[in-house]
N, C-alpha and C. Protein backbone atom coordinates (compact mmCIF):
# COMPACT_ATOMS: atom_id res chain seq x y z
N MET A 1 106.53 85.01 85.14
CA MET A 1 105.36 85.03 85.98
C MET A 1 104.51 83.82 85.64
N ARG A 2 104.04 83.10 86.65
CA ARG A 2 103.16 81.96 86.45
C ARG A 2 101.82 82.28 87.07
N LEU A 3 100.77 82.07 86.33
CA LEU A 3 99.44 82.16 86.90
C LEU A 3 99.08 80.79 87.43
N PHE A 4 98.08 80.71 88.25
CA PHE A 4 97.68 79.45 88.84
C PHE A 4 97.28 78.45 87.77
N GLY A 5 97.81 77.24 87.84
CA GLY A 5 97.46 76.21 86.89
C GLY A 5 96.22 75.44 87.33
N ASN A 6 96.10 75.17 88.64
CA ASN A 6 94.91 74.47 89.13
C ASN A 6 94.08 75.46 89.94
N LYS A 7 92.88 75.05 90.29
CA LYS A 7 91.99 75.96 90.99
C LYS A 7 92.39 76.05 92.46
N PRO A 8 92.85 77.23 92.91
CA PRO A 8 93.23 77.38 94.31
C PRO A 8 92.00 77.56 95.19
N SER A 9 92.17 77.39 96.46
CA SER A 9 91.10 77.64 97.42
C SER A 9 91.18 79.11 97.79
N TRP A 10 90.24 79.92 97.28
CA TRP A 10 90.29 81.37 97.48
C TRP A 10 89.47 81.78 98.67
N ARG A 11 89.94 82.78 99.38
CA ARG A 11 89.18 83.41 100.44
C ARG A 11 88.94 84.85 100.03
N ARG A 12 87.74 85.31 100.22
CA ARG A 12 87.35 86.64 99.77
C ARG A 12 88.05 87.72 100.57
N GLY A 13 88.40 88.82 99.88
CA GLY A 13 88.94 90.02 100.52
C GLY A 13 87.80 90.90 100.98
N LEU A 14 88.06 92.15 101.24
CA LEU A 14 87.07 93.08 101.78
C LEU A 14 85.96 93.38 100.81
N SER A 15 86.27 93.58 99.53
CA SER A 15 85.26 94.00 98.57
C SER A 15 85.74 93.65 97.18
N SER A 16 84.81 93.57 96.25
CA SER A 16 85.21 93.34 94.87
C SER A 16 84.69 94.44 93.96
N SER A 17 84.28 95.57 94.52
CA SER A 17 83.80 96.67 93.69
C SER A 17 84.95 97.50 93.18
N GLY A 18 84.72 98.25 92.12
CA GLY A 18 85.74 99.16 91.60
C GLY A 18 86.87 98.46 90.88
N LEU A 19 86.60 97.35 90.23
CA LEU A 19 87.67 96.60 89.57
C LEU A 19 88.12 97.31 88.31
N GLY A 20 89.42 97.22 88.04
CA GLY A 20 89.97 97.81 86.82
C GLY A 20 90.22 96.74 85.79
N SER A 21 90.66 97.15 84.64
CA SER A 21 90.98 96.19 83.59
C SER A 21 92.43 95.76 83.73
N GLY A 22 92.74 94.55 83.35
CA GLY A 22 94.09 94.03 83.51
C GLY A 22 94.93 94.23 82.27
N SER A 23 96.22 94.46 82.46
CA SER A 23 97.17 94.52 81.35
C SER A 23 98.51 94.08 81.87
N ARG A 24 99.39 93.69 80.98
CA ARG A 24 100.72 93.26 81.40
C ARG A 24 101.77 94.02 80.62
N GLY A 25 102.90 94.27 81.27
CA GLY A 25 104.02 94.91 80.62
C GLY A 25 105.24 94.81 81.51
N ARG A 26 106.39 95.17 81.01
CA ARG A 26 107.61 95.10 81.80
C ARG A 26 108.27 96.46 81.79
N ALA A 27 108.74 96.88 82.96
CA ALA A 27 109.39 98.17 83.07
C ALA A 27 110.58 98.04 84.00
N ALA A 28 111.58 98.85 83.79
CA ALA A 28 112.74 98.90 84.68
C ALA A 28 112.80 100.31 85.25
N GLY A 29 112.80 100.39 86.57
CA GLY A 29 112.84 101.69 87.22
C GLY A 29 114.28 102.15 87.42
N ASP A 30 114.45 103.35 87.96
CA ASP A 30 115.78 103.86 88.26
C ASP A 30 116.45 102.98 89.29
N GLY A 31 117.74 102.90 89.27
CA GLY A 31 118.49 102.14 90.25
C GLY A 31 118.40 100.64 90.06
N GLY A 32 117.96 100.19 88.89
CA GLY A 32 117.93 98.76 88.63
C GLY A 32 116.76 98.03 89.24
N TYR A 33 115.72 98.71 89.69
CA TYR A 33 114.55 98.04 90.23
C TYR A 33 113.69 97.55 89.08
N ASN A 34 113.60 96.24 88.92
CA ASN A 34 112.78 95.68 87.85
C ASN A 34 111.44 95.28 88.41
N VAL A 35 110.38 95.64 87.72
CA VAL A 35 109.03 95.30 88.15
C VAL A 35 108.25 94.78 86.97
N ASP A 36 107.29 93.92 87.23
CA ASP A 36 106.34 93.47 86.22
C ASP A 36 105.03 94.18 86.49
N LEU A 37 104.56 94.95 85.54
CA LEU A 37 103.28 95.61 85.67
C LEU A 37 102.21 94.56 85.40
N LEU A 38 101.39 94.29 86.40
CA LEU A 38 100.40 93.23 86.28
C LEU A 38 99.04 93.75 85.91
N SER A 39 98.67 94.88 86.45
CA SER A 39 97.34 95.39 86.19
C SER A 39 97.30 96.87 86.48
N VAL A 40 96.55 97.60 85.68
CA VAL A 40 96.35 99.02 85.89
C VAL A 40 94.85 99.26 85.92
N ALA A 41 94.40 100.01 86.91
CA ALA A 41 92.97 100.28 87.00
C ALA A 41 92.52 101.05 85.78
N GLY A 42 91.36 100.69 85.24
CA GLY A 42 90.82 101.33 84.05
C GLY A 42 90.32 102.72 84.34
N THR A 43 89.99 103.46 83.32
CA THR A 43 89.47 104.80 83.49
C THR A 43 87.95 104.77 83.39
N SER A 44 87.30 105.54 84.22
CA SER A 44 85.86 105.67 84.20
C SER A 44 85.50 106.96 84.90
N SER A 45 84.20 107.24 84.99
CA SER A 45 83.78 108.47 85.67
C SER A 45 84.05 108.39 87.16
N GLU A 46 84.06 107.18 87.73
CA GLU A 46 84.40 107.00 89.13
C GLU A 46 85.91 106.81 89.23
N LYS A 47 86.45 107.06 90.44
CA LYS A 47 87.88 106.80 90.64
C LYS A 47 88.10 105.30 90.68
N PRO A 48 88.92 104.76 89.77
CA PRO A 48 89.19 103.32 89.78
C PRO A 48 90.25 102.99 90.84
N TYR A 49 90.03 101.94 91.56
CA TYR A 49 90.96 101.51 92.59
C TYR A 49 91.31 100.05 92.41
N MET A 50 92.56 99.71 92.69
CA MET A 50 92.96 98.32 92.75
C MET A 50 92.37 97.74 94.03
N MET A 51 91.97 96.50 93.97
CA MET A 51 91.42 95.82 95.13
C MET A 51 92.03 94.44 95.24
N VAL A 52 92.34 94.02 96.47
CA VAL A 52 92.73 92.64 96.70
C VAL A 52 91.43 91.91 96.97
N ASN A 53 90.98 91.14 95.97
CA ASN A 53 89.68 90.48 96.05
C ASN A 53 89.71 89.22 96.90
N ALA A 54 90.84 88.49 96.86
CA ALA A 54 90.92 87.22 97.56
C ALA A 54 92.38 86.83 97.73
N TYR A 55 92.60 85.81 98.56
CA TYR A 55 93.94 85.27 98.74
C TYR A 55 93.83 83.76 98.85
N SER A 56 94.92 83.08 98.51
CA SER A 56 95.02 81.64 98.68
C SER A 56 96.33 81.38 99.44
N ARG A 57 96.69 80.13 99.58
CA ARG A 57 97.93 79.81 100.28
C ARG A 57 99.15 80.36 99.55
N THR A 58 99.08 80.45 98.20
CA THR A 58 100.28 80.81 97.44
C THR A 58 100.16 82.09 96.62
N GLY A 59 99.07 82.82 96.77
CA GLY A 59 98.95 84.04 95.97
C GLY A 59 97.74 84.86 96.29
N PHE A 60 97.41 85.77 95.36
CA PHE A 60 96.37 86.76 95.58
C PHE A 60 95.58 86.97 94.30
N ARG A 61 94.34 87.40 94.44
CA ARG A 61 93.56 87.86 93.30
C ARG A 61 93.45 89.37 93.46
N VAL A 62 94.05 90.12 92.53
CA VAL A 62 94.08 91.58 92.58
C VAL A 62 93.27 92.11 91.41
N SER A 63 92.19 92.80 91.72
CA SER A 63 91.28 93.35 90.70
C SER A 63 90.95 92.32 89.63
N GLY A 64 90.65 91.11 90.08
CA GLY A 64 90.22 90.05 89.18
C GLY A 64 91.33 89.23 88.56
N LEU A 65 92.58 89.61 88.72
CA LEU A 65 93.71 88.89 88.13
C LEU A 65 94.35 87.98 89.18
N GLN A 66 94.45 86.69 88.91
CA GLN A 66 95.03 85.73 89.84
C GLN A 66 96.55 85.75 89.71
N LEU A 67 97.23 85.99 90.83
CA LEU A 67 98.69 86.11 90.83
C LEU A 67 99.29 85.15 91.83
N GLU A 68 100.36 84.50 91.46
CA GLU A 68 101.06 83.60 92.35
C GLU A 68 102.29 84.30 92.91
N GLY A 69 102.51 84.19 94.20
CA GLY A 69 103.69 84.77 94.84
C GLY A 69 103.40 86.11 95.48
N SER A 70 104.45 86.85 95.76
CA SER A 70 104.36 88.14 96.45
C SER A 70 103.97 89.24 95.48
N VAL A 71 103.18 90.19 95.97
CA VAL A 71 102.73 91.29 95.12
C VAL A 71 102.84 92.62 95.85
N CYS A 72 102.94 93.66 95.05
CA CYS A 72 102.91 95.05 95.50
C CYS A 72 101.66 95.65 94.88
N VAL A 73 100.76 96.16 95.72
CA VAL A 73 99.51 96.72 95.21
C VAL A 73 99.46 98.20 95.59
N ALA A 74 99.48 99.05 94.57
CA ALA A 74 99.37 100.50 94.75
C ALA A 74 97.92 100.89 94.46
N PRO A 75 97.55 102.14 94.72
CA PRO A 75 96.15 102.53 94.50
C PRO A 75 95.62 102.24 93.10
N HIS A 76 96.47 102.37 92.06
CA HIS A 76 95.98 102.22 90.69
C HIS A 76 96.78 101.24 89.84
N ALA A 77 97.66 100.45 90.45
CA ALA A 77 98.46 99.47 89.71
C ALA A 77 98.94 98.39 90.66
N SER A 78 99.28 97.23 90.12
CA SER A 78 99.88 96.17 90.93
C SER A 78 101.10 95.62 90.21
N PHE A 79 102.05 95.12 91.00
CA PHE A 79 103.33 94.66 90.50
C PHE A 79 103.73 93.38 91.21
N LEU A 80 104.56 92.57 90.57
CA LEU A 80 105.21 91.47 91.29
C LEU A 80 106.22 92.07 92.25
N TRP A 81 106.41 91.44 93.37
CA TRP A 81 107.39 91.89 94.36
C TRP A 81 108.36 90.75 94.58
N ARG A 82 109.64 91.03 94.50
CA ARG A 82 110.67 89.99 94.47
C ARG A 82 110.71 89.07 95.71
N PRO A 83 110.66 89.57 96.96
CA PRO A 83 110.78 88.64 98.09
C PRO A 83 109.65 87.60 98.07
N ARG A 84 110.03 86.34 98.35
CA ARG A 84 109.04 85.27 98.35
C ARG A 84 108.70 84.79 99.75
N SER A 85 109.51 85.22 100.75
CA SER A 85 109.27 84.78 102.13
C SER A 85 109.83 85.83 103.08
N LEU A 86 109.51 85.66 104.36
CA LEU A 86 110.02 86.58 105.38
C LEU A 86 111.55 86.61 105.41
N ASP A 87 112.15 85.46 105.16
CA ASP A 87 113.62 85.37 105.18
C ASP A 87 114.26 86.23 104.10
N GLU A 88 113.54 86.52 103.04
CA GLU A 88 114.09 87.31 101.94
C GLU A 88 113.84 88.81 102.10
N LEU A 89 113.11 89.23 103.14
CA LEU A 89 112.87 90.66 103.34
C LEU A 89 114.12 91.34 103.87
N SER A 90 114.49 92.44 103.24
CA SER A 90 115.62 93.24 103.69
C SER A 90 115.32 94.70 103.37
N LEU A 91 116.16 95.58 103.79
CA LEU A 91 115.98 97.00 103.48
C LEU A 91 115.89 97.21 101.97
N GLU A 92 116.67 96.45 101.20
CA GLU A 92 116.65 96.57 99.74
C GLU A 92 115.27 96.25 99.16
N SER A 93 114.51 95.41 99.84
CA SER A 93 113.17 95.06 99.36
C SER A 93 112.21 96.25 99.36
N PHE A 94 112.55 97.29 100.13
CA PHE A 94 111.65 98.43 100.31
C PHE A 94 112.17 99.73 99.70
N ARG A 95 113.37 99.73 99.17
CA ARG A 95 113.97 100.98 98.70
C ARG A 95 113.22 101.65 97.54
N PHE A 96 112.41 100.92 96.80
CA PHE A 96 111.66 101.51 95.69
C PHE A 96 110.48 102.37 96.16
N VAL A 97 110.01 102.17 97.37
CA VAL A 97 108.78 102.82 97.83
C VAL A 97 108.83 104.35 97.71
N PRO A 98 109.89 105.04 98.16
CA PRO A 98 109.90 106.50 98.02
C PRO A 98 109.96 106.99 96.58
N LEU A 99 110.26 106.11 95.63
CA LEU A 99 110.34 106.49 94.23
C LEU A 99 108.98 106.49 93.54
N LEU A 100 107.96 105.97 94.19
CA LEU A 100 106.64 105.87 93.58
C LEU A 100 106.01 107.24 93.38
N GLU A 101 105.31 107.39 92.28
CA GLU A 101 104.55 108.61 91.97
C GLU A 101 103.13 108.22 91.64
N PRO A 102 102.15 108.79 92.28
CA PRO A 102 102.25 109.73 93.38
C PRO A 102 102.79 109.03 94.62
N PRO A 103 103.39 109.79 95.53
CA PRO A 103 103.97 109.18 96.74
C PRO A 103 102.89 108.56 97.63
N VAL A 104 103.30 107.59 98.43
CA VAL A 104 102.37 106.94 99.36
C VAL A 104 102.59 107.48 100.77
N ASP A 105 101.51 107.45 101.56
CA ASP A 105 101.57 107.91 102.96
C ASP A 105 101.71 106.75 103.93
N ILE A 106 101.24 105.58 103.51
CA ILE A 106 101.27 104.42 104.41
C ILE A 106 101.59 103.16 103.61
N VAL A 107 102.42 102.32 104.19
CA VAL A 107 102.77 101.03 103.60
C VAL A 107 102.26 99.94 104.55
N VAL A 108 101.47 99.02 104.00
CA VAL A 108 100.95 97.90 104.76
C VAL A 108 101.67 96.65 104.28
N VAL A 109 102.43 96.04 105.18
CA VAL A 109 103.20 94.84 104.84
C VAL A 109 102.45 93.62 105.35
N GLY A 110 102.13 92.70 104.45
CA GLY A 110 101.52 91.42 104.82
C GLY A 110 102.60 90.37 104.88
N CYS A 111 102.86 89.85 106.08
CA CYS A 111 103.99 88.94 106.31
C CYS A 111 103.67 87.47 106.05
N GLY A 112 102.51 87.18 105.48
CA GLY A 112 102.12 85.80 105.27
C GLY A 112 101.14 85.38 106.35
N ALA A 113 101.30 84.16 106.87
CA ALA A 113 100.36 83.61 107.84
C ALA A 113 100.57 84.15 109.25
N ARG A 114 101.73 84.72 109.52
CA ARG A 114 101.99 85.24 110.88
C ARG A 114 102.68 86.59 110.80
N ILE A 115 102.46 87.38 111.84
CA ILE A 115 103.11 88.69 111.91
C ILE A 115 104.56 88.48 112.34
N ALA A 116 105.45 89.25 111.78
CA ALA A 116 106.86 89.17 112.12
C ALA A 116 107.40 90.56 112.41
N GLN A 117 108.44 90.63 113.20
CA GLN A 117 109.13 91.88 113.44
C GLN A 117 110.06 92.14 112.26
N LEU A 118 109.93 93.32 111.69
CA LEU A 118 110.84 93.70 110.61
C LEU A 118 112.13 94.23 111.22
N ASP A 119 113.18 94.15 110.45
CA ASP A 119 114.47 94.67 110.89
C ASP A 119 114.33 96.14 111.28
N PRO A 120 114.93 96.58 112.39
CA PRO A 120 114.83 97.99 112.80
C PRO A 120 115.28 98.98 111.73
N SER A 121 116.20 98.58 110.87
CA SER A 121 116.65 99.49 109.81
C SER A 121 115.51 99.79 108.83
N ILE A 122 114.60 98.85 108.64
CA ILE A 122 113.45 99.06 107.76
C ILE A 122 112.51 100.09 108.37
N ARG A 123 112.23 99.95 109.67
CA ARG A 123 111.37 100.93 110.35
C ARG A 123 112.00 102.33 110.31
N ARG A 124 113.30 102.42 110.56
CA ARG A 124 113.99 103.73 110.52
C ARG A 124 113.93 104.33 109.11
N PHE A 125 114.08 103.49 108.09
CA PHE A 125 114.00 103.94 106.71
C PHE A 125 112.66 104.63 106.45
N PHE A 126 111.57 103.99 106.85
CA PHE A 126 110.25 104.57 106.63
C PHE A 126 110.02 105.81 107.50
N GLU A 127 110.54 105.83 108.71
CA GLU A 127 110.43 107.03 109.55
C GLU A 127 111.12 108.21 108.89
N ARG A 128 112.33 107.99 108.35
CA ARG A 128 113.05 109.07 107.68
C ARG A 128 112.30 109.57 106.44
N GLN A 129 111.58 108.69 105.78
CA GLN A 129 110.80 109.06 104.60
C GLN A 129 109.45 109.66 104.96
N ARG A 130 109.12 109.64 106.24
CA ARG A 130 107.80 110.10 106.74
C ARG A 130 106.66 109.32 106.10
N ILE A 131 106.86 108.01 106.05
CA ILE A 131 105.85 107.09 105.55
C ILE A 131 105.48 106.15 106.69
N ALA A 132 104.19 106.08 107.00
CA ALA A 132 103.73 105.17 108.06
C ALA A 132 103.90 103.73 107.61
N LEU A 133 104.19 102.85 108.57
CA LEU A 133 104.41 101.44 108.28
C LEU A 133 103.54 100.59 109.19
N GLU A 134 102.73 99.72 108.60
CA GLU A 134 101.89 98.77 109.33
C GLU A 134 102.32 97.37 108.95
N VAL A 135 102.49 96.50 109.92
CA VAL A 135 102.87 95.11 109.67
C VAL A 135 101.75 94.22 110.18
N GLN A 136 101.21 93.38 109.30
CA GLN A 136 100.06 92.53 109.61
C GLN A 136 100.27 91.15 109.01
N THR A 137 99.35 90.23 109.33
CA THR A 137 99.28 89.00 108.55
C THR A 137 98.80 89.41 107.16
N SER A 138 99.04 88.61 106.16
CA SER A 138 98.61 88.99 104.80
C SER A 138 97.10 89.14 104.66
N PRO A 139 96.27 88.25 105.26
CA PRO A 139 94.83 88.48 105.15
C PRO A 139 94.39 89.82 105.75
N ASN A 140 94.93 90.18 106.91
CA ASN A 140 94.59 91.46 107.52
C ASN A 140 95.14 92.63 106.71
N ALA A 141 96.31 92.46 106.13
CA ALA A 141 96.90 93.53 105.31
C ALA A 141 96.05 93.76 104.05
N CYS A 142 95.50 92.70 103.48
CA CYS A 142 94.62 92.85 102.31
C CYS A 142 93.41 93.71 102.66
N SER A 143 92.76 93.38 103.77
CA SER A 143 91.58 94.14 104.19
C SER A 143 91.93 95.58 104.53
N MET A 144 93.05 95.77 105.22
CA MET A 144 93.46 97.13 105.59
C MET A 144 93.75 97.96 104.34
N PHE A 145 94.47 97.39 103.38
CA PHE A 145 94.77 98.11 102.15
C PHE A 145 93.48 98.49 101.42
N ASN A 146 92.56 97.53 101.27
CA ASN A 146 91.30 97.81 100.58
C ASN A 146 90.54 98.95 101.25
N PHE A 147 90.49 98.92 102.56
CA PHE A 147 89.79 99.98 103.30
C PHE A 147 90.46 101.33 103.08
N LEU A 148 91.78 101.38 103.25
CA LEU A 148 92.51 102.64 103.08
C LEU A 148 92.37 103.16 101.65
N ASN A 149 92.45 102.27 100.69
CA ASN A 149 92.36 102.67 99.29
C ASN A 149 90.97 103.22 98.96
N GLN A 150 89.94 102.58 99.47
CA GLN A 150 88.58 103.08 99.22
C GLN A 150 88.34 104.41 99.91
N GLU A 151 89.07 104.68 100.98
CA GLU A 151 88.96 105.95 101.68
C GLU A 151 89.83 107.02 101.03
N ASP A 152 90.42 106.70 99.87
CA ASP A 152 91.26 107.62 99.10
C ASP A 152 92.56 108.00 99.81
N ARG A 153 93.04 107.08 100.66
CA ARG A 153 94.35 107.27 101.28
C ARG A 153 95.40 106.77 100.31
N ARG A 154 96.57 107.35 100.35
CA ARG A 154 97.66 106.92 99.46
C ARG A 154 98.40 105.76 100.13
N ALA A 155 97.85 104.56 99.94
CA ALA A 155 98.37 103.37 100.60
C ALA A 155 99.04 102.45 99.59
N LEU A 156 99.94 101.63 100.10
CA LEU A 156 100.65 100.63 99.30
C LEU A 156 100.63 99.34 100.11
N ALA A 157 100.26 98.23 99.48
CA ALA A 157 100.31 96.92 100.13
C ALA A 157 101.46 96.12 99.55
N LEU A 158 102.28 95.57 100.41
CA LEU A 158 103.36 94.67 100.03
C LEU A 158 103.03 93.33 100.69
N LEU A 159 102.63 92.36 99.89
CA LEU A 159 102.03 91.14 100.41
C LEU A 159 102.83 89.89 100.09
N LEU A 160 103.16 89.15 101.13
CA LEU A 160 103.78 87.83 100.98
C LEU A 160 102.67 86.79 101.06
N PRO A 161 102.74 85.71 100.27
CA PRO A 161 101.70 84.68 100.34
C PRO A 161 101.75 83.94 101.68
N LEU A 162 100.63 83.28 102.02
CA LEU A 162 100.57 82.52 103.27
C LEU A 162 101.60 81.39 103.27
N GLN A 163 101.74 80.74 102.12
CA GLN A 163 102.74 79.68 101.95
C GLN A 163 103.54 80.03 100.71
N PRO A 164 104.81 80.43 100.87
CA PRO A 164 105.60 80.86 99.70
C PRO A 164 105.66 79.78 98.62
N ALA A 165 105.57 80.21 97.37
CA ALA A 165 105.69 79.30 96.23
C ALA A 165 107.09 78.72 96.18
N GLU A 166 107.20 77.50 95.73
CA GLU A 166 108.51 76.85 95.62
C GLU A 166 109.42 77.62 94.68
N SER A 167 108.87 78.07 93.58
CA SER A 167 109.69 78.85 92.66
C SER A 167 108.77 79.77 91.87
N ARG A 168 109.31 80.87 91.45
CA ARG A 168 108.58 81.82 90.62
C ARG A 168 109.53 82.25 89.51
N ALA A 169 109.01 82.37 88.32
CA ALA A 169 109.86 82.81 87.21
C ALA A 169 110.30 84.23 87.47
N ASP A 170 111.55 84.48 87.68
CA ASP A 170 112.08 85.83 87.99
C ASP A 170 112.37 86.61 86.75
N GLU A 171 112.54 86.92 85.93
CA GLU A 171 112.93 87.63 84.75
C GLU A 171 112.86 86.77 83.56
C-alpha cells in the first residue's frame, strides 16, 4: 500500500464528522479473499461511522486517512479493493460482499469519473443475495455512502479512483 507522496488536490466529501481512529493490519478471508484493513472506527458513546471525507484523481480520504487507489468502505471499517479500473471489474470483484458481517443492504459502486454499465451477471448476483446495487460516479457514490451511513443504513461503498493509479503495491 502506498500513501500519497505529494499533496493531492482534494475535494471535500459530504461531511467530516464522526471520524474514527486509524489502524492497519492484514487479514485473509475465507475463499482466498485478501484484504488490507486500513481503518476501523473508534469506540465512543456515539456510534462511530467511517466517512469518505474527500477524493482526488487517484484516491480517497477515508476518516482522515489518505488512500491511493480503489477502496471498500463499510460502516465501521475500510479496506483496499483490488480492481484499479473499470476494465478490472468482474463478478469475482464482488463475491466477498455477502461474506461481510454484519451483512449489508445496499452496495454503492463508484465507477470513477463516469458511470458505467456493470456486467449483467453482477446485477443478478446482487439480486439473488437481496442486496440493492447503486452505480454512480465516484464523487456521487462517496456522498451517497456518507448519507446512507449517517442514516444508519447498512451500506458498503466500492470506489474506483477518478484516474486509476499506474501501479499499487498488491501484497
